[in-house]
Amino acid sequence: MFFWEAFSGLVLRVTLRKPEKGQNIIVHIIQSIDQKVHQLLLDFILYDMR
């Protein structure tokens, strides 16, 4: 449950952040989400292994 709440919060924050000048907003969102999710999954896995 926590994971999905964190995930949706991240999606909102990433979506609200302004893309760099001339960057496609969709590409920006996908790249940002990809980085965040990657970090989240790593944290999640490491936390689980404790």
PDB file of N, CA and C in Angstrom:
ATOM      1  N   MET A   1       0.829  -1.201   0.000  1.00  0.00           N
ATOM      2  CA  MET A   1       0.000   0.000   0.000  1.00  0.00           C
ATOM      3  C   MET A   1       0.866   1.254   0.000  1.00  0.00           C
ATOM      4  N   PHE A   2       1.832   1.273   0.914  1.00  0.00           N
ATOM      5  CA  PHE A   2       2.737   2.424   1.000  1.00  0.00           C
ATOM      6  C   PHE A   2       3.400   2.693  -0.337  1.00  0.00           C
ATOM      7  N   PHE A   3       3.786   1.615  -1.003  1.00  0.00           N
ATOM      8  CA  PHE A   3       4.518   1.751  -2.261  1.00  0.00           C
ATOM      9  C   PHE A   3       3.705   2.532  -3.287  1.00  0.00           C
ATOM     10  N   TRP A   4       2.418   2.203  -3.411  1.00  0.00           N
ATOM     11  CA  TRP A   4       1.592   2.861  -4.426  1.00  0.00           C
ATOM     12  C   TRP A   4       1.292   4.306  -4.071  1.00  0.00           C
ATOM     13  N   GLU A   5       1.161   4.593  -2.758  1.00  0.00           N
ATOM     14  CA  GLU A   5       0.955   5.986  -2.341  1.00  0.00           C
ATOM     15  C   GLU A   5       2.177   6.810  -2.702  1.00  0.00           C
ATOM     16  N   ALA A   6       3.350   6.268  -2.410  1.00  0.00           N
ATOM     17  CA  ALA A   6       4.600   6.957  -2.734  1.00  0.00           C
ATOM     18  C   ALA A   6       4.704   7.148  -4.243  1.00  0.00           C
ATOM     19  N   PHE A   7       4.342   6.113  -4.984  1.00  0.00           N
ATOM     20  CA  PHE A   7       4.436   6.153  -6.443  1.00  0.00           C
ATOM     21  C   PHE A   7       3.544   7.245  -7.028  1.00  0.00           C
ATOM     22  N   SER A   8       2.285   7.293  -6.599  1.00  0.00           N
ATOM     23  CA  SER A   8       1.371   8.299  -7.147  1.00  0.00           C
ATOM     24  C   SER A   8       1.808   9.705  -6.745  1.00  0.00           C
ATOM     25  N   GLY A   9       2.366   9.850  -5.549  1.00  0.00           N
ATOM     26  CA  GLY A   9       2.893  11.140  -5.116  1.00  0.00           C
ATOM     27  C   GLY A   9       4.031  11.590  -6.013  1.00  0.00           C
ATOM     28  N   LEU A  10       4.902  10.646  -6.348  1.00  0.00           N
ATOM     29  CA  LEU A  10       6.038  10.956  -7.222  1.00  0.00           C
ATOM     30  C   LEU A  10       5.558  11.360  -8.605  1.00  0.00           C
ATOM     31  N   VAL A  11       4.595  10.635  -9.138  1.00  0.00           N
ATOM     32  CA  VAL A  11       4.076  10.949 -10.475  1.00  0.00           C
ATOM     33  C   VAL A  11       3.545  12.380 -10.492  1.00  0.00           C
ATOM     34  N   LEU A  12       2.814  12.753  -9.448  1.00  0.00           N
ATOM     35  CA  LEU A  12       2.279  14.114  -9.365  1.00  0.00           C
ATOM     36  C   LEU A  12       3.395  15.139  -9.336  1.00  0.00           C
ATOM     37  N   ARG A  13       4.385  14.908  -8.476  1.00  0.00           N
ATOM     38  CA  ARG A  13       5.480  15.869  -8.336  1.00  0.00           C
ATOM     39  C   ARG A  13       6.259  16.007  -9.635  1.00  0.00           C
ATOM     40  N   VAL A  14       6.539  14.875 -10.265  1.00  0.00           N
ATOM     41  CA  VAL A  14       7.302  14.882 -11.521  1.00  0.00           C
ATOM     42  C   VAL A  14       6.520  15.617 -12.603  1.00  0.00           C
ATOM     43  N   THR A  15       5.217  15.365 -12.655  1.00  0.00           N
ATOM     44  CA  THR A  15       4.379  15.977 -13.682  1.00  0.00           C
ATOM     45  C   THR A  15       4.315  17.492 -13.506  1.00  0.00           C
ATOM     46  N   LEU A  16       4.334  17.943 -12.262  1.00  0.00           N
ATOM     47  CA  LEU A  16       4.210  19.378 -11.996  1.00  0.00           C
ATOM     48  C   LEU A  16       5.512  20.123 -12.241  1.00  0.00           C
ATOM     49  N   ARG A  17       6.627  19.394 -12.216  1.00  0.00           N
ATOM     50  CA  ARG A  17       7.913  20.056 -12.434  1.00  0.00           C
ATOM     51  C   ARG A  17       8.039  20.505 -13.889  1.00  0.00           C
ATOM     52  N   LYS A  18       8.615  21.674 -14.090  1.00  0.00           N
ATOM     53  CA  LYS A  18       8.733  22.218 -15.447  1.00  0.00           C
ATOM     54  C   LYS A  18       9.815  21.483 -16.245  1.00  0.00           C
ATOM     55  N   PRO A  19       9.508  21.117 -17.485  1.00  0.00           N
ATOM     56  CA  PRO A  19      10.535  20.513 -18.343  1.00  0.00           C
ATOM     57  C   PRO A  19      11.536  21.568 -18.796  1.00  0.00           C
ATOM     58  N   GLU A  20      12.719  21.109 -19.188  1.00  0.00           N
ATOM     59  CA  GLU A  20      13.720  22.045 -19.708  1.00  0.00           C
ATOM     60  C   GLU A  20      13.215  22.639 -21.019  1.00  0.00           C
ATOM     61  N   LYS A  21      13.741  23.796 -21.363  1.00  0.00           N
ATOM     62  CA  LYS A  21      13.295  24.508 -22.564  1.00  0.00           C
ATOM     63  C   LYS A  21      13.459  23.624 -23.805  1.00  0.00           C
ATOM     64  N   GLY A  22      12.404  23.526 -24.593  1.00  0.00           N
ATOM     65  CA  GLY A  22      12.457  22.776 -25.835  1.00  0.00           C
ATOM     66  C   GLY A  22      12.330  21.267 -25.670  1.00  0.00           C
ATOM     67  N   GLN A  23      12.186  20.813 -24.431  1.00  0.00           N
ATOM     68  CA  GLN A  23      12.066  19.367 -24.229  1.00  0.00           C
ATOM     69  C   GLN A  23      10.595  18.960 -24.297  1.00  0.00           C
ATOM     70  N   ASN A  24      10.341  17.876 -24.997  1.00  0.00           N
ATOM     71  CA  ASN A  24       8.984  17.347 -25.098  1.00  0.00           C
ATOM     72  C   ASN A  24       8.487  16.982 -23.701  1.00  0.00           C
ATOM     73  N   ILE A  25       7.319  17.508 -23.326  1.00  0.00           N
ATOM     74  CA  ILE A  25       6.809  17.296 -21.960  1.00  0.00           C
ATOM     75  C   ILE A  25       6.587  15.819 -21.658  1.00  0.00           C
ATOM     76  N   ILE A  26       6.110  15.052 -22.647  1.00  0.00           N
ATOM     77  CA  ILE A  26       5.870  13.627 -22.428  1.00  0.00           C
ATOM     78  C   ILE A  26       7.190  12.906 -22.156  1.00  0.00           C
ATOM     79  N   VAL A  27       8.184  13.204 -22.989  1.00  0.00           N
ATOM     80  CA  VAL A  27       9.505  12.592 -22.811  1.00  0.00           C
ATOM     81  C   VAL A  27      10.053  12.958 -21.440  1.00  0.00           C
ATOM     82  N   HIS A  28       9.897  14.213 -21.063  1.00  0.00           N
ATOM     83  CA  HIS A  28      10.366  14.694 -19.762  1.00  0.00           C
ATOM     84  C   HIS A  28       9.723  13.904 -18.626  1.00  0.00           C
ATOM     85  N   ILE A  29       8.411  13.747 -18.703  1.00  0.00           N
ATOM     86  CA  ILE A  29       7.679  13.033 -17.653  1.00  0.00           C
ATOM     87  C   ILE A  29       8.140  11.585 -17.581  1.00  0.00           C
ATOM     88  N   ILE A  30       8.248  10.933 -18.746  1.00  0.00           N
ATOM     89  CA  ILE A  30       8.654   9.526 -18.768  1.00  0.00           C
ATOM     90  C   ILE A  30      10.051   9.358 -18.192  1.00  0.00           C
ATOM     91  N   GLN A  31      10.990  10.203 -18.612  1.00  0.00           N
ATOM     92  CA  GLN A  31      12.357  10.103 -18.109  1.00  0.00           C
ATOM     93  C   GLN A  31      12.399  10.328 -16.606  1.00  0.00           C
ATOM     94  N   SER A  32      11.709  11.348 -16.132  1.00  0.00           N
ATOM     95  CA  SER A  32      11.708  11.667 -14.708  1.00  0.00           C
ATOM     96  C   SER A  32      11.107  10.524 -13.906  1.00  0.00           C
ATOM     97  N   ILE A  33       9.967  10.023 -14.367  1.00  0.00           N
ATOM     98  CA  ILE A  33       9.312   8.917 -13.668  1.00  0.00           C
ATOM     99  C   ILE A  33      10.237   7.711 -13.653  1.00  0.00           C
ATOM    100  N   ASP A  34      10.874   7.439 -14.794  1.00  0.00           N
ATOM    101  CA  ASP A  34      11.765   6.295 -14.896  1.00  0.00           C
ATOM    102  C   ASP A  34      12.869   6.368 -13.846  1.00  0.00           C
ATOM    103  N   GLN A  35      13.500   7.530 -13.704  1.00  0.00           N
ATOM    104  CA  GLN A  35      14.558   7.705 -12.712  1.00  0.00           C
ATOM    105  C   GLN A  35      14.018   7.522 -11.300  1.00  0.00           C
ATOM    106  N   LYS A  36      12.892   8.145 -11.010  1.00  0.00           N
ATOM    107  CA  LYS A  36      12.311   8.088  -9.667  1.00  0.00           C
ATOM    108  C   LYS A  36      11.901   6.662  -9.317  1.00  0.00           C
ATOM    109  N   VAL A  37      11.241   5.992 -10.252  1.00  0.00           N
ATOM    110  CA  VAL A  37      10.780   4.626 -10.002  1.00  0.00           C
ATOM    111  C   VAL A  37      11.973   3.714  -9.774  1.00  0.00           C
ATOM    112  N   HIS A  38      13.015   3.899 -10.566  1.00  0.00           N
ATOM    113  CA  HIS A  38      14.226   3.106 -10.411  1.00  0.00           C
ATOM    114  C   HIS A  38      14.756   3.257  -8.986  1.00  0.00           C
ATOM    115  N   GLN A  39      14.855   4.497  -8.519  1.00  0.00           N
ATOM    116  CA  GLN A  39      15.342   4.767  -7.167  1.00  0.00           C
ATOM    117  C   GLN A  39      14.393   4.175  -6.130  1.00  0.00           C
ATOM    118  N   LEU A  40      13.095   4.344  -6.347  1.00  0.00           N
ATOM    119  CA  LEU A  40      12.101   3.814  -5.414  1.00  0.00           C
ATOM    120  C   LEU A  40      12.207   2.300  -5.305  1.00  0.00           C
ATOM    121  N   LEU A  41      12.314   1.640  -6.453  1.00  0.00           N
ATOM    122  CA  LEU A  41      12.408   0.187  -6.451  1.00  0.00           C
ATOM    123  C   LEU A  41      13.659  -0.272  -5.717  1.00  0.00           C
ATOM    124  N   LEU A  42      14.781   0.414  -5.958  1.00  0.00           N
ATOM    125  CA  LEU A  42      16.016   0.075  -5.256  1.00  0.00           C
ATOM    126  C   LEU A  42      15.825   0.216  -3.753  1.00  0.00           C
ATOM    127  N   ASP A  43      15.279   1.355  -3.323  1.00  0.00           N
ATOM    128  CA  ASP A  43      15.034   1.589  -1.899  1.00  0.00           C
ATOM    129  C   ASP A  43      14.115   0.505  -1.349  1.00  0.00           C
ATOM    130  N   PHE A  44      13.076   0.197  -2.093  1.00  0.00           N
ATOM    131  CA  PHE A  44      12.074  -0.783  -1.680  1.00  0.00           C
ATOM    132  C   PHE A  44      12.722  -2.155  -1.481  1.00  0.00           C
ATOM    133  N   ILE A  45      13.536  -2.574  -2.463  1.00  0.00           N
ATOM    134  CA  ILE A  45      14.198  -3.877  -2.411  1.00  0.00           C
ATOM    135  C   ILE A  45      15.184  -3.928  -1.252  1.00  0.00           C
ATOM    136  N   LEU A  46      15.997  -2.882  -1.118  1.00  0.00           N
ATOM    137  CA  LEU A  46      16.975  -2.837  -0.032  1.00  0.00           C
ATOM    138  C   LEU A  46      16.274  -2.860   1.321  1.00  0.00           C
ATOM    139  N   TYR A  47      15.173  -2.143   1.428  1.00  0.00           N
ATOM    140  CA  TYR A  47      14.414  -2.098   2.674  1.00  0.00           C
ATOM    141  C   TYR A  47      13.859  -3.486   2.998  1.00  0.00           C
ATOM    142  N   ASP A  48      13.360  -4.174   1.985  1.00  0.00           N
ATOM    143  CA  ASP A  48      12.818  -5.525   2.153  1.00  0.00           C
ATOM    144  C   ASP A  48      13.874  -6.510   2.623  1.00  0.00           C
ATOM    145  N   MET A  49      15.116  -6.295   2.184  1.00  0.00           N
ATOM    146  CA  MET A  49      16.176  -7.256   2.502  1.00  0.00           C
ATOM    147  C   MET A  49      16.673  -7.129   3.939  1.00  0.00           C
ATOM    148  N   ARG A  50      16.349  -6.017   4.598  1.00  0.00           N
ATOM    149  CA  ARG A  50      16.790  -5.837   5.984  1.00  0.00           C
ATOM    150  C   ARG A  50      16.163  -6.845   6.909  1.00  0.00           C
TER     151      ARG A  50
END
